[in-house]
Amino acid sequence: MVPPPPAPCRRCKSRCASSLATGTLFGIYFESSFLHAVIVPCNVRSEFNKLTGDSVTFEAPGGPYTMEVEKGRNMTQVGGDGWVRFIAHMCITGGELISFSFKAERPMLAVIYVNKAKDDEDVEDDEDDDDPLGEAIVAQRMRLSEEELCNLWDIIPSRADFVGVPFVTRLTSTMVDWHIMKLPKSLSESCGIQPDEEGSAGIRLTARGSVTTCAYGMDTDGRTHFNSVGWKSFLVGMKLHVGQAILITIRNTHRPGLRMMVVIDII
């Protein structure tokens, strides 16, 4: 069980006091007050200021995006038309984790959808209410420890390696014991999965793991469900357990008969 994190900073609205992030790689949970400009976390502000001038250009889907940097005495903000255009293009509404990376030759932005999985107590009463991916895109509902956040930045692949958006969730009893696994509508749409689509996907643990073939289909509510037999087959021998945080990315594949490759990394 991950302990509750400290309250967000009143100035930057991030949990900067306990963060292990650096100026070259940090994340910010989007909230409505960041619609026109986002506040750089206090603990990385000094290093961020040294890396940027009055503006910074980020590589991201639909970009590049040139954003204004306002360096105040006690606060640094990133905004302007480029930020607004990025928010609109990525359909960001609240709760998404935005990754700022200066590790590559050009600064990059990535959007990560973070899911809150409900408790498993209601599985027998109402399966729909216990849907493990039913409350995606809700701000900080799923809490990652600082160690998990650092691990996330280390394992997230380069933008060219996946389609759609990365997705983070915790494994629940529904997924592990009941063998019910669904991808949220936001992820399905971003990957181009069509309504009523059915097909076969490959599932693997890490990009180099063995591949399990699993049938999938899209439900009427837009979520993509994996065939329970295929998902169970994938779980066998993987030593995955309830509570583990995982990163899901969808990759293109040239393997015959497979529409896509689903790569799961343990955070």
Protein backbone atom coordinates (compact mmCIF):
# COMPACT_ATOMS: atom_id res chain seq x y z
CA MET A 1 0.00 0.00 0.00
CA VAL A 2 1.47 3.35 -1.07
CA PRO A 3 1.31 5.87 1.82
CA PRO A 4 -0.68 9.07 1.24
CA PRO A 5 1.57 11.76 -0.25
CA PRO A 6 1.99 15.19 1.36
CA ALA A 7 -0.37 17.98 0.40
CA PRO A 8 0.43 19.91 -2.81
CA CYS A 9 2.48 23.08 -2.47
CA ARG A 10 0.32 26.20 -2.27
CA ARG A 11 2.65 28.03 -4.65
CA CYS A 12 3.32 25.56 -7.47
CA LYS A 13 0.40 23.16 -6.77
CA SER A 14 2.75 20.16 -7.09
CA ARG A 15 4.14 17.94 -4.35
CA CYS A 16 7.54 19.58 -4.68
CA ALA A 17 8.62 19.07 -1.06
CA SER A 18 8.89 15.30 -1.44
CA SER A 19 9.66 15.12 -5.16
CA LEU A 20 12.80 13.44 -6.50
CA ALA A 21 12.32 14.97 -9.96
CA THR A 22 14.99 17.08 -11.63
CA GLY A 23 14.97 20.06 -13.94
CA THR A 24 15.70 17.79 -16.90
CA LEU A 25 12.82 15.39 -16.22
CA PHE A 26 9.72 16.16 -14.19
CA GLY A 27 5.98 15.74 -14.31
CA ILE A 28 2.99 17.93 -13.53
CA TYR A 29 -0.59 16.80 -13.00
CA PHE A 30 -2.82 19.04 -15.10
CA GLU A 31 -5.61 20.95 -13.40
CA SER A 32 -8.06 23.60 -14.57
CA SER A 33 -5.94 26.51 -13.29
CA PHE A 34 -3.19 25.47 -15.74
CA LEU A 35 -5.34 26.08 -18.81
CA HIS A 36 -3.31 29.11 -19.96
CA ALA A 37 -0.04 28.55 -18.11
CA VAL A 38 1.51 25.86 -15.94
CA ILE A 39 3.65 26.46 -12.85
CA VAL A 40 7.05 24.78 -12.75
CA PRO A 41 7.48 22.83 -9.47
CA CYS A 42 9.50 24.73 -6.88
CA ASN A 43 12.13 22.02 -6.46
CA VAL A 44 13.15 22.07 -10.15
CA ARG A 45 12.55 25.78 -10.88
CA SER A 46 16.17 26.92 -10.52
CA GLU A 47 17.52 24.20 -12.81
CA PHE A 48 14.66 24.70 -15.28
CA ASN A 49 15.41 28.43 -15.44
CA LYS A 50 19.01 27.68 -16.41
CA LEU A 51 17.85 25.39 -19.22
CA THR A 52 15.44 27.88 -20.78
CA GLY A 53 15.32 31.47 -21.94
CA ASP A 54 12.25 33.63 -22.47
CA SER A 55 10.75 30.82 -24.54
CA VAL A 56 11.17 27.09 -25.08
CA THR A 57 10.13 24.82 -27.95
CA PHE A 58 8.87 21.34 -27.12
CA GLU A 59 8.46 18.37 -29.44
CA ALA A 60 5.07 16.67 -28.99
CA PRO A 61 2.26 15.27 -31.16
CA GLY A 62 0.84 18.04 -33.36
CA GLY A 63 3.89 20.18 -32.64
CA PRO A 64 6.45 21.54 -32.24
CA TYR A 65 5.11 24.01 -29.69
CA THR A 66 6.93 27.22 -28.79
CA MET A 67 5.92 28.36 -25.32
CA GLU A 68 6.61 31.50 -23.33
CA VAL A 69 8.58 31.23 -20.09
CA GLU A 70 7.86 33.80 -17.39
CA LYS A 71 10.48 33.77 -14.65
CA GLY A 72 9.27 35.62 -11.60
CA ARG A 73 11.01 36.15 -8.29
CA ASN A 74 9.35 33.17 -6.64
CA MET A 75 7.63 31.37 -9.50
CA THR A 76 8.26 30.23 -13.09
CA GLN A 77 5.38 29.67 -15.49
CA VAL A 78 5.21 28.14 -18.97
CA GLY A 79 2.34 29.32 -21.15
CA GLY A 80 1.36 31.38 -24.15
CA ASP A 81 -0.29 30.35 -27.40
CA GLY A 82 1.93 27.28 -27.75
CA TRP A 83 0.82 25.90 -24.39
CA VAL A 84 -2.85 26.58 -25.15
CA ARG A 85 -2.51 24.88 -28.55
CA PHE A 86 -0.82 21.86 -26.95
CA ILE A 87 -3.60 21.50 -24.36
CA ALA A 88 -6.27 21.74 -27.07
CA HIS A 89 -4.56 19.32 -29.46
CA MET A 90 -4.04 16.68 -26.77
CA CYS A 91 -7.61 17.15 -25.45
CA ILE A 92 -6.29 17.60 -21.91
CA THR A 93 -9.09 18.22 -19.43
CA GLY A 94 -7.74 17.40 -15.98
CA GLY A 95 -5.75 14.73 -14.16
CA GLU A 96 -3.36 13.85 -16.97
CA LEU A 97 0.31 13.66 -16.02
CA ILE A 98 2.40 15.84 -18.33
CA SER A 99 6.05 14.84 -18.60
CA PHE A 100 8.63 17.56 -19.32
CA SER A 101 11.90 16.11 -20.60
CA PHE A 102 15.13 17.89 -21.49
CA LYS A 103 17.14 14.67 -21.83
CA ALA A 104 16.98 14.48 -25.63
CA GLU A 105 18.50 16.89 -28.14
CA ARG A 106 15.23 18.83 -28.17
CA PRO A 107 12.88 19.29 -25.19
CA MET A 108 9.89 16.95 -25.29
CA LEU A 109 6.41 16.75 -23.78
CA ALA A 110 4.45 13.56 -23.20
CA VAL A 111 0.95 13.08 -21.83
CA ILE A 112 0.32 10.09 -19.57
CA TYR A 113 -3.22 9.09 -18.62
CA VAL A 114 -3.34 7.98 -15.01
CA ASN A 115 -6.06 5.65 -13.81
CA LYS A 116 -7.64 5.17 -10.40
CA ALA A 117 -8.63 1.58 -9.81
CA LYS A 118 -11.44 1.10 -7.34
CA ASP A 119 -11.32 -1.36 -4.48
CA ASP A 120 -12.22 -4.93 -5.33
CA GLU A 121 -14.89 -5.26 -2.65
CA ASP A 122 -17.76 -4.73 -5.08
CA VAL A 123 -16.79 -7.35 -7.68
CA GLU A 124 -19.62 -9.70 -6.81
CA ASP A 125 -22.19 -6.96 -6.33
CA ASP A 126 -21.70 -4.96 -9.48
CA GLU A 127 -19.00 -5.82 -11.98
CA ASP A 128 -19.42 -2.56 -13.90
CA ASP A 129 -18.86 -0.50 -10.77
CA ASP A 130 -15.57 -2.30 -10.24
CA ASP A 131 -14.30 -1.77 -13.75
CA PRO A 132 -10.55 -1.34 -13.20
CA LEU A 133 -10.26 1.34 -15.88
CA GLY A 134 -13.51 3.18 -15.34
CA GLU A 135 -12.19 6.38 -13.80
CA ALA A 136 -9.29 7.42 -15.97
CA ILE A 137 -8.23 11.02 -16.28
CA VAL A 138 -9.06 12.03 -12.73
CA ALA A 139 -6.46 14.21 -11.05
CA GLN A 140 -4.11 12.29 -8.75
CA ARG A 141 -6.77 9.70 -7.90
CA MET A 142 -4.10 7.06 -8.44
CA ARG A 143 -1.05 7.96 -6.40
CA LEU A 144 2.41 7.00 -7.52
CA SER A 145 5.21 7.01 -4.98
CA GLU A 146 8.23 9.17 -5.76
CA GLU A 147 10.20 5.99 -6.52
CA GLU A 148 7.49 4.89 -8.95
CA LEU A 149 7.47 8.31 -10.63
CA CYS A 150 11.23 8.14 -11.12
CA ASN A 151 10.90 4.62 -12.51
CA LEU A 152 8.16 5.83 -14.85
CA TRP A 153 10.41 8.47 -16.38
CA ASP A 154 13.11 5.84 -16.87
CA ILE A 155 10.92 3.28 -18.67
CA ILE A 156 8.62 5.45 -20.79
CA PRO A 157 9.65 4.84 -24.42
CA SER A 158 10.43 7.53 -26.95
CA ARG A 159 7.40 9.01 -28.69
CA ALA A 160 8.23 7.30 -31.99
CA ASP A 161 7.97 3.84 -30.39
CA PHE A 162 4.25 3.85 -29.57
CA VAL A 163 0.90 5.06 -30.87
CA GLY A 164 -1.75 6.90 -28.93
CA VAL A 165 -0.98 7.81 -25.34
CA PRO A 166 0.81 5.95 -22.54
CA PHE A 167 -1.44 4.74 -19.75
CA VAL A 168 -0.69 4.06 -16.09
CA THR A 169 -2.80 1.95 -13.75
CA ARG A 170 -2.48 -0.42 -10.81
CA LEU A 171 -3.24 -4.11 -11.11
CA THR A 172 -6.40 -5.04 -9.26
CA SER A 173 -7.92 -8.33 -8.17
CA THR A 174 -10.32 -7.91 -11.09
CA MET A 175 -7.39 -7.97 -13.51
CA VAL A 176 -5.21 -10.59 -11.80
CA ASP A 177 -7.68 -12.99 -10.17
CA TRP A 178 -10.81 -12.53 -12.28
CA HIS A 179 -8.87 -12.15 -15.56
CA ILE A 180 -10.88 -9.10 -16.65
CA MET A 181 -8.79 -6.48 -18.42
CA LYS A 182 -10.08 -3.44 -20.28
CA LEU A 183 -8.45 -0.39 -21.82
CA PRO A 184 -10.22 2.94 -21.29
CA LYS A 185 -12.02 4.78 -24.05
CA SER A 186 -9.41 7.57 -24.08
CA LEU A 187 -6.61 5.11 -24.81
CA SER A 188 -8.66 3.14 -27.35
CA GLU A 189 -9.55 6.28 -29.30
CA SER A 190 -6.00 7.63 -29.25
CA CYS A 191 -4.76 4.36 -30.78
CA GLY A 192 -7.33 4.40 -33.57
CA ILE A 193 -9.31 1.38 -32.37
CA GLN A 194 -12.66 1.61 -34.14
CA PRO A 195 -16.17 1.08 -32.68
CA ASP A 196 -17.21 -2.58 -32.82
CA GLU A 197 -13.66 -3.52 -33.86
CA GLU A 198 -12.53 -7.06 -33.11
CA GLY A 199 -9.14 -8.61 -33.71
CA SER A 200 -6.03 -10.10 -32.18
CA ALA A 201 -3.30 -8.30 -30.28
CA GLY A 202 0.05 -9.37 -28.97
CA ILE A 203 0.72 -8.80 -25.27
CA ARG A 204 4.20 -8.82 -23.81
CA LEU A 205 5.93 -7.86 -20.58
CA THR A 206 8.54 -5.30 -21.68
CA ALA A 207 9.32 -4.66 -25.33
CA ARG A 208 11.56 -7.75 -25.47
CA GLY A 209 9.34 -10.22 -23.63
CA SER A 210 7.64 -13.24 -25.14
CA VAL A 211 4.40 -12.51 -27.00
CA THR A 212 0.99 -13.88 -26.01
CA THR A 213 -1.77 -13.64 -28.62
CA CYS A 214 -5.04 -12.37 -27.21
CA ALA A 215 -8.36 -11.59 -28.90
CA TYR A 216 -9.90 -8.21 -28.16
CA GLY A 217 -13.04 -6.27 -28.95
CA MET A 218 -14.46 -2.84 -28.32
CA ASP A 219 -17.47 -2.55 -26.03
CA THR A 220 -20.40 -0.24 -26.75
CA ASP A 221 -19.03 2.22 -24.18
CA GLY A 222 -15.78 2.61 -26.13
CA ARG A 223 -13.56 0.52 -23.88
CA THR A 224 -11.46 -2.27 -25.34
CA HIS A 225 -11.67 -5.60 -23.53
CA PHE A 226 -9.22 -8.49 -23.78
CA ASN A 227 -10.44 -12.07 -24.08
CA SER A 228 -10.18 -13.56 -20.58
CA VAL A 229 -8.52 -16.76 -21.83
CA GLY A 230 -5.78 -14.86 -23.65
CA TRP A 231 -5.26 -12.42 -20.77
CA LYS A 232 -5.06 -15.31 -18.28
CA SER A 233 -2.53 -17.04 -20.51
CA PHE A 234 -0.39 -13.89 -20.48
CA LEU A 235 -0.51 -13.67 -16.68
CA VAL A 236 0.75 -17.24 -16.20
CA GLY A 237 4.36 -17.18 -15.06
CA MET A 238 4.63 -13.39 -15.07
CA LYS A 239 4.50 -13.08 -11.27
CA LEU A 240 2.30 -10.00 -11.50
CA HIS A 241 0.36 -9.21 -8.37
CA VAL A 242 -2.39 -6.93 -7.14
CA GLY A 243 -1.19 -3.42 -6.35
CA GLN A 244 1.66 -3.22 -8.85
CA ALA A 245 1.76 -0.04 -10.90
CA ILE A 246 2.13 -0.70 -14.63
CA LEU A 247 2.68 1.35 -17.77
CA ILE A 248 0.75 0.29 -20.88
CA THR A 249 1.81 1.40 -24.34
CA ILE A 250 0.41 0.33 -27.70
CA ARG A 251 2.90 -0.38 -30.48
CA ASN A 252 2.54 -1.07 -34.18
CA THR A 253 3.58 -4.57 -35.22
CA HIS A 254 4.37 -6.42 -38.43
CA ARG A 255 3.58 -9.83 -36.95
CA PRO A 256 1.05 -11.68 -39.14
CA GLY A 257 -2.47 -11.71 -37.75
CA LEU A 258 -1.86 -9.10 -35.05
CA ARG A 259 -3.48 -5.67 -35.18
CA MET A 260 -1.26 -4.20 -32.46
CA MET A 261 1.27 -5.00 -29.75
CA VAL A 262 0.38 -4.19 -26.14
CA VAL A 263 3.52 -3.68 -24.06
CA ILE A 264 3.28 -3.73 -20.28
CA ASP A 265 6.09 -2.47 -18.07
CA ILE A 266 6.18 -2.73 -14.30
CA ILE A 267 6.83 0.69 -12.80
